[in-house]
């Protein structure tokens, strides 16, 4: 008896996993806000409906988001998760809608 996964069963599972991850990609429009209390603040995006997404991003991207606090943006993301602190969004890039 041979142990291990059969390639025919592994490939469909990998394809489903890839589709699930791809389905998370998208873009969101909202205002950049800072939430929390010093020294534990986080950058977040608040939609016009009032939903707040805490941002997970590279240090440089997070720094740039802090610089445009209060401005409306469109942010591209790869994932949205529900955590104990609320919704968390993994942002890869953004552009401002105001100057």
N, C-alpha and C. Protein backbone atom coordinates (compact mmCIF):
# COMPACT_ATOMS: atom_id res chain seq x y z
N UNK A 1 0.84 -1.19 0.00
CA UNK A 1 0.00 0.00 0.00
C UNK A 1 0.88 1.25 0.00
N UNK A 2 0.62 2.14 -0.89
CA UNK A 2 1.40 3.36 -1.03
C UNK A 2 0.66 4.53 -0.37
N UNK A 3 1.35 5.25 0.49
CA UNK A 3 0.75 6.42 1.13
C UNK A 3 1.12 7.66 0.35
N UNK A 4 0.27 8.63 0.39
CA UNK A 4 0.51 9.88 -0.32
C UNK A 4 -0.69 10.23 -1.16
N UNK A 5 -0.74 11.45 -1.56
CA UNK A 5 -1.87 11.91 -2.35
C UNK A 5 -1.68 11.56 -3.81
N UNK A 6 -2.74 11.21 -4.43
CA UNK A 6 -2.74 10.89 -5.85
C UNK A 6 -2.77 12.20 -6.63
N UNK A 7 -1.97 12.33 -7.69
CA UNK A 7 -1.93 13.59 -8.44
C UNK A 7 -3.29 14.05 -8.95
N UNK A 8 -4.17 13.10 -9.25
CA UNK A 8 -5.48 13.46 -9.77
C UNK A 8 -6.32 14.16 -8.70
N UNK A 9 -6.11 13.83 -7.43
CA UNK A 9 -6.87 14.50 -6.37
C UNK A 9 -6.19 15.78 -5.89
N UNK A 10 -4.89 15.86 -6.01
CA UNK A 10 -4.16 17.04 -5.55
C UNK A 10 -4.37 18.22 -6.49
N UNK A 11 -4.33 18.00 -7.78
CA UNK A 11 -4.44 19.10 -8.75
C UNK A 11 -5.76 19.85 -8.64
N UNK A 12 -6.90 19.17 -8.56
CA UNK A 12 -8.15 19.93 -8.40
C UNK A 12 -8.19 20.74 -7.10
N UNK A 13 -7.61 20.20 -6.05
CA UNK A 13 -7.57 20.92 -4.77
C UNK A 13 -6.72 22.18 -4.89
N UNK A 14 -5.60 22.08 -5.57
CA UNK A 14 -4.75 23.25 -5.78
C UNK A 14 -5.45 24.29 -6.64
N UNK A 15 -6.18 23.83 -7.64
CA UNK A 15 -6.91 24.75 -8.51
C UNK A 15 -7.99 25.49 -7.72
N UNK A 16 -8.70 24.78 -6.84
CA UNK A 16 -9.73 25.42 -6.01
C UNK A 16 -9.11 26.44 -5.06
N UNK A 17 -7.96 26.09 -4.49
CA UNK A 17 -7.27 27.02 -3.59
C UNK A 17 -6.86 28.28 -4.35
N UNK A 18 -6.36 28.13 -5.55
CA UNK A 18 -5.96 29.29 -6.35
C UNK A 18 -7.16 30.16 -6.68
N UNK A 19 -8.30 29.55 -7.01
CA UNK A 19 -9.50 30.32 -7.29
C UNK A 19 -10.00 31.05 -6.07
N UNK A 20 -9.93 30.41 -4.91
CA UNK A 20 -10.37 31.06 -3.68
C UNK A 20 -9.52 32.28 -3.37
N UNK A 21 -8.22 32.17 -3.58
CA UNK A 21 -7.33 33.31 -3.33
C UNK A 21 -7.58 34.41 -4.36
N UNK A 22 -7.79 34.04 -5.60
CA UNK A 22 -8.01 35.03 -6.65
C UNK A 22 -9.33 35.77 -6.43
N UNK A 23 -10.31 35.09 -5.86
CA UNK A 23 -11.61 35.71 -5.64
C UNK A 23 -11.51 36.84 -4.61
N UNK A 24 -10.49 36.85 -3.79
CA UNK A 24 -10.32 37.89 -2.78
C UNK A 24 -9.79 39.19 -3.37
N UNK A 25 -9.20 39.15 -4.53
CA UNK A 25 -8.62 40.36 -5.12
C UNK A 25 -9.70 41.33 -5.54
N UNK A 26 -9.39 42.61 -5.42
CA UNK A 26 -10.35 43.61 -5.84
C UNK A 26 -9.87 45.00 -5.53
N UNK A 27 -10.79 45.93 -5.58
CA UNK A 27 -10.48 47.33 -5.27
C UNK A 27 -11.59 47.88 -4.38
N UNK A 28 -11.22 48.82 -3.55
CA UNK A 28 -12.17 49.41 -2.61
C UNK A 28 -11.95 50.92 -2.61
N UNK A 29 -13.04 51.65 -2.51
CA UNK A 29 -12.97 53.11 -2.46
C UNK A 29 -13.37 53.57 -1.07
N UNK A 30 -12.62 54.52 -0.54
CA UNK A 30 -12.94 55.05 0.77
C UNK A 30 -11.97 56.13 1.18
N UNK A 31 -12.11 56.57 2.42
CA UNK A 31 -11.23 57.61 2.97
C UNK A 31 -10.21 56.96 3.89
N UNK A 32 -8.99 57.50 3.86
CA UNK A 32 -7.94 57.00 4.74
C UNK A 32 -8.14 57.61 6.12
N UNK A 33 -8.19 56.75 7.13
CA UNK A 33 -8.33 57.20 8.52
C UNK A 33 -7.29 56.48 9.37
N UNK A 34 -7.01 57.03 10.52
CA UNK A 34 -6.12 56.38 11.49
C UNK A 34 -6.98 56.03 12.69
N UNK A 35 -6.92 54.76 13.10
CA UNK A 35 -7.74 54.28 14.21
C UNK A 35 -6.84 53.80 15.35
N UNK A 36 -7.40 53.73 16.54
CA UNK A 36 -6.65 53.27 17.70
C UNK A 36 -6.08 54.43 18.49
N UNK A 37 -5.40 54.09 19.57
CA UNK A 37 -4.78 55.08 20.45
C UNK A 37 -3.27 54.97 20.38
N UNK A 38 -2.60 56.11 20.46
CA UNK A 38 -1.13 56.13 20.47
C UNK A 38 -0.62 55.30 21.64
N UNK A 39 0.41 54.54 21.49
CA UNK A 39 1.24 54.40 20.30
C UNK A 39 0.81 53.24 19.41
N UNK A 40 -0.42 52.79 19.54
CA UNK A 40 -0.88 51.60 18.82
C UNK A 40 -1.91 51.96 17.75
N UNK A 41 -1.61 52.96 16.92
CA UNK A 41 -2.53 53.34 15.86
C UNK A 41 -2.36 52.45 14.64
N UNK A 42 -3.40 52.40 13.83
CA UNK A 42 -3.38 51.64 12.58
C UNK A 42 -4.00 52.50 11.48
N UNK A 43 -3.52 52.31 10.27
CA UNK A 43 -4.13 52.95 9.11
C UNK A 43 -5.33 52.11 8.72
N UNK A 44 -6.40 52.78 8.32
CA UNK A 44 -7.61 52.07 7.91
C UNK A 44 -8.26 52.81 6.74
N UNK A 45 -9.16 52.11 6.08
CA UNK A 45 -9.96 52.71 5.01
C UNK A 45 -11.41 52.63 5.44
N UNK A 46 -12.10 53.77 5.41
CA UNK A 46 -13.51 53.82 5.77
C UNK A 46 -14.31 54.09 4.51
N UNK A 47 -15.24 53.19 4.19
CA UNK A 47 -16.08 53.34 3.00
C UNK A 47 -17.18 54.35 3.26
N UNK A 48 -17.86 54.75 2.22
CA UNK A 48 -18.97 55.71 2.37
C UNK A 48 -20.12 55.11 3.16
N UNK A 49 -20.19 53.76 3.23
CA UNK A 49 -21.22 53.09 4.03
C UNK A 49 -20.85 53.03 5.51
N UNK A 50 -19.62 53.43 5.84
CA UNK A 50 -19.18 53.43 7.23
C UNK A 50 -18.37 52.23 7.65
N UNK A 51 -18.16 51.27 6.75
CA UNK A 51 -17.36 50.09 7.08
C UNK A 51 -15.89 50.49 7.16
N UNK A 52 -15.21 50.04 8.21
CA UNK A 52 -13.80 50.35 8.42
C UNK A 52 -12.97 49.09 8.24
N UNK A 53 -11.94 49.18 7.40
CA UNK A 53 -11.02 48.08 7.14
C UNK A 53 -9.63 48.49 7.62
N UNK A 54 -9.09 47.80 8.59
CA UNK A 54 -7.71 48.05 9.01
C UNK A 54 -6.78 47.57 7.89
N UNK A 55 -5.77 48.36 7.60
CA UNK A 55 -4.88 48.08 6.47
C UNK A 55 -3.66 47.29 6.92
N UNK A 56 -3.36 46.27 6.14
CA UNK A 56 -2.10 45.54 6.26
C UNK A 56 -1.36 45.81 4.96
N UNK A 57 -0.16 46.39 5.05
CA UNK A 57 0.60 46.77 3.86
C UNK A 57 2.08 46.85 4.21
N UNK A 58 2.89 47.00 3.18
CA UNK A 58 4.32 47.19 3.42
C UNK A 58 4.52 48.48 4.21
N UNK A 59 5.66 48.61 4.85
CA UNK A 59 5.95 49.80 5.65
C UNK A 59 5.88 51.08 4.82
N UNK A 60 6.46 51.01 3.62
CA UNK A 60 6.46 52.17 2.75
C UNK A 60 5.06 52.57 2.30
N UNK A 61 4.26 51.58 1.96
CA UNK A 61 2.89 51.86 1.53
C UNK A 61 2.06 52.40 2.69
N UNK A 62 2.25 51.83 3.88
CA UNK A 62 1.53 52.33 5.05
C UNK A 62 1.93 53.78 5.35
N UNK A 63 3.20 54.09 5.21
CA UNK A 63 3.67 55.46 5.44
C UNK A 63 3.02 56.43 4.45
N UNK A 64 2.93 56.02 3.18
CA UNK A 64 2.30 56.88 2.17
C UNK A 64 0.80 57.04 2.45
N UNK A 65 0.16 55.99 2.94
CA UNK A 65 -1.26 56.10 3.29
C UNK A 65 -1.46 57.08 4.44
N UNK A 66 -0.57 57.05 5.44
CA UNK A 66 -0.67 58.00 6.55
C UNK A 66 -0.55 59.44 6.06
N UNK A 67 0.25 59.67 5.01
CA UNK A 67 0.45 61.01 4.47
C UNK A 67 -0.79 61.55 3.78
N UNK A 68 -1.69 60.66 3.35
CA UNK A 68 -2.90 61.11 2.66
C UNK A 68 -4.14 60.91 3.55
N UNK A 69 -3.91 60.90 4.87
CA UNK A 69 -5.01 60.73 5.82
C UNK A 69 -6.10 61.75 5.54
N UNK A 70 -7.35 61.28 5.51
CA UNK A 70 -8.49 62.15 5.26
C UNK A 70 -8.88 62.24 3.79
N UNK A 71 -8.01 61.78 2.90
CA UNK A 71 -8.31 61.84 1.47
C UNK A 71 -9.03 60.58 1.01
N UNK A 72 -9.79 60.73 -0.08
CA UNK A 72 -10.45 59.57 -0.69
C UNK A 72 -9.45 58.87 -1.61
N UNK A 73 -9.49 57.54 -1.58
CA UNK A 73 -8.58 56.74 -2.39
C UNK A 73 -9.34 55.56 -3.00
N UNK A 74 -8.70 54.96 -3.98
CA UNK A 74 -9.08 53.62 -4.45
C UNK A 74 -7.87 52.75 -4.16
N UNK A 75 -8.10 51.69 -3.38
CA UNK A 75 -7.01 50.79 -2.99
C UNK A 75 -7.23 49.41 -3.60
N UNK A 76 -6.18 48.85 -4.18
CA UNK A 76 -6.23 47.48 -4.66
C UNK A 76 -5.80 46.57 -3.52
N UNK A 77 -6.51 45.46 -3.37
CA UNK A 77 -6.21 44.54 -2.27
C UNK A 77 -6.16 43.10 -2.76
N UNK A 78 -5.51 42.26 -1.96
CA UNK A 78 -5.40 40.84 -2.29
C UNK A 78 -6.20 39.97 -1.35
N UNK A 79 -6.63 40.54 -0.22
CA UNK A 79 -7.32 39.71 0.76
C UNK A 79 -8.06 40.58 1.77
N UNK A 80 -9.21 40.08 2.22
CA UNK A 80 -9.94 40.69 3.32
C UNK A 80 -10.22 39.60 4.34
N UNK A 81 -9.87 39.86 5.60
CA UNK A 81 -10.09 38.90 6.68
C UNK A 81 -10.88 39.55 7.80
N UNK A 82 -11.61 38.72 8.52
CA UNK A 82 -12.30 39.18 9.72
C UNK A 82 -11.44 38.76 10.91
N UNK A 83 -11.05 39.73 11.73
CA UNK A 83 -10.20 39.45 12.89
C UNK A 83 -10.91 39.93 14.15
N UNK A 84 -10.28 39.69 15.29
CA UNK A 84 -10.84 40.14 16.56
C UNK A 84 -10.96 41.66 16.60
N UNK A 85 -10.07 42.36 15.89
CA UNK A 85 -10.10 43.82 15.85
C UNK A 85 -11.04 44.36 14.77
N UNK A 86 -11.66 43.51 14.00
CA UNK A 86 -12.54 43.93 12.91
C UNK A 86 -12.04 43.44 11.58
N UNK A 87 -12.46 44.09 10.53
CA UNK A 87 -12.05 43.69 9.18
C UNK A 87 -10.64 44.17 8.88
N UNK A 88 -9.85 43.30 8.24
CA UNK A 88 -8.48 43.63 7.88
C UNK A 88 -8.32 43.42 6.38
N UNK A 89 -7.70 44.38 5.70
CA UNK A 89 -7.54 44.32 4.26
C UNK A 89 -6.06 44.42 3.91
N UNK A 90 -5.59 43.56 3.01
CA UNK A 90 -4.19 43.56 2.57
C UNK A 90 -4.12 44.40 1.30
N UNK A 91 -3.57 45.61 1.44
CA UNK A 91 -3.50 46.56 0.33
C UNK A 91 -2.16 46.44 -0.38
N UNK A 92 -2.22 46.42 -1.73
CA UNK A 92 -1.00 46.32 -2.53
C UNK A 92 -0.62 47.66 -3.18
N UNK A 93 -1.62 48.47 -3.50
CA UNK A 93 -1.35 49.81 -4.04
C UNK A 93 -2.62 50.63 -3.97
N UNK A 94 -2.46 51.95 -4.14
CA UNK A 94 -3.61 52.83 -4.09
C UNK A 94 -3.35 54.07 -4.92
N UNK A 95 -4.44 54.77 -5.23
CA UNK A 95 -4.31 56.09 -5.86
C UNK A 95 -5.33 57.01 -5.22
N UNK A 96 -4.95 58.28 -5.10
CA UNK A 96 -5.85 59.26 -4.49
C UNK A 96 -6.85 59.74 -5.53
N UNK A 97 -8.03 60.10 -5.03
CA UNK A 97 -9.08 60.61 -5.90
C UNK A 97 -9.22 62.12 -5.78
N UNK A 98 -8.51 62.72 -4.82
CA UNK A 98 -8.54 64.17 -4.61
C UNK A 98 -7.12 64.69 -4.69
N UNK A 99 -6.99 65.98 -4.92
CA UNK A 99 -5.65 66.59 -4.92
C UNK A 99 -5.53 67.58 -3.83
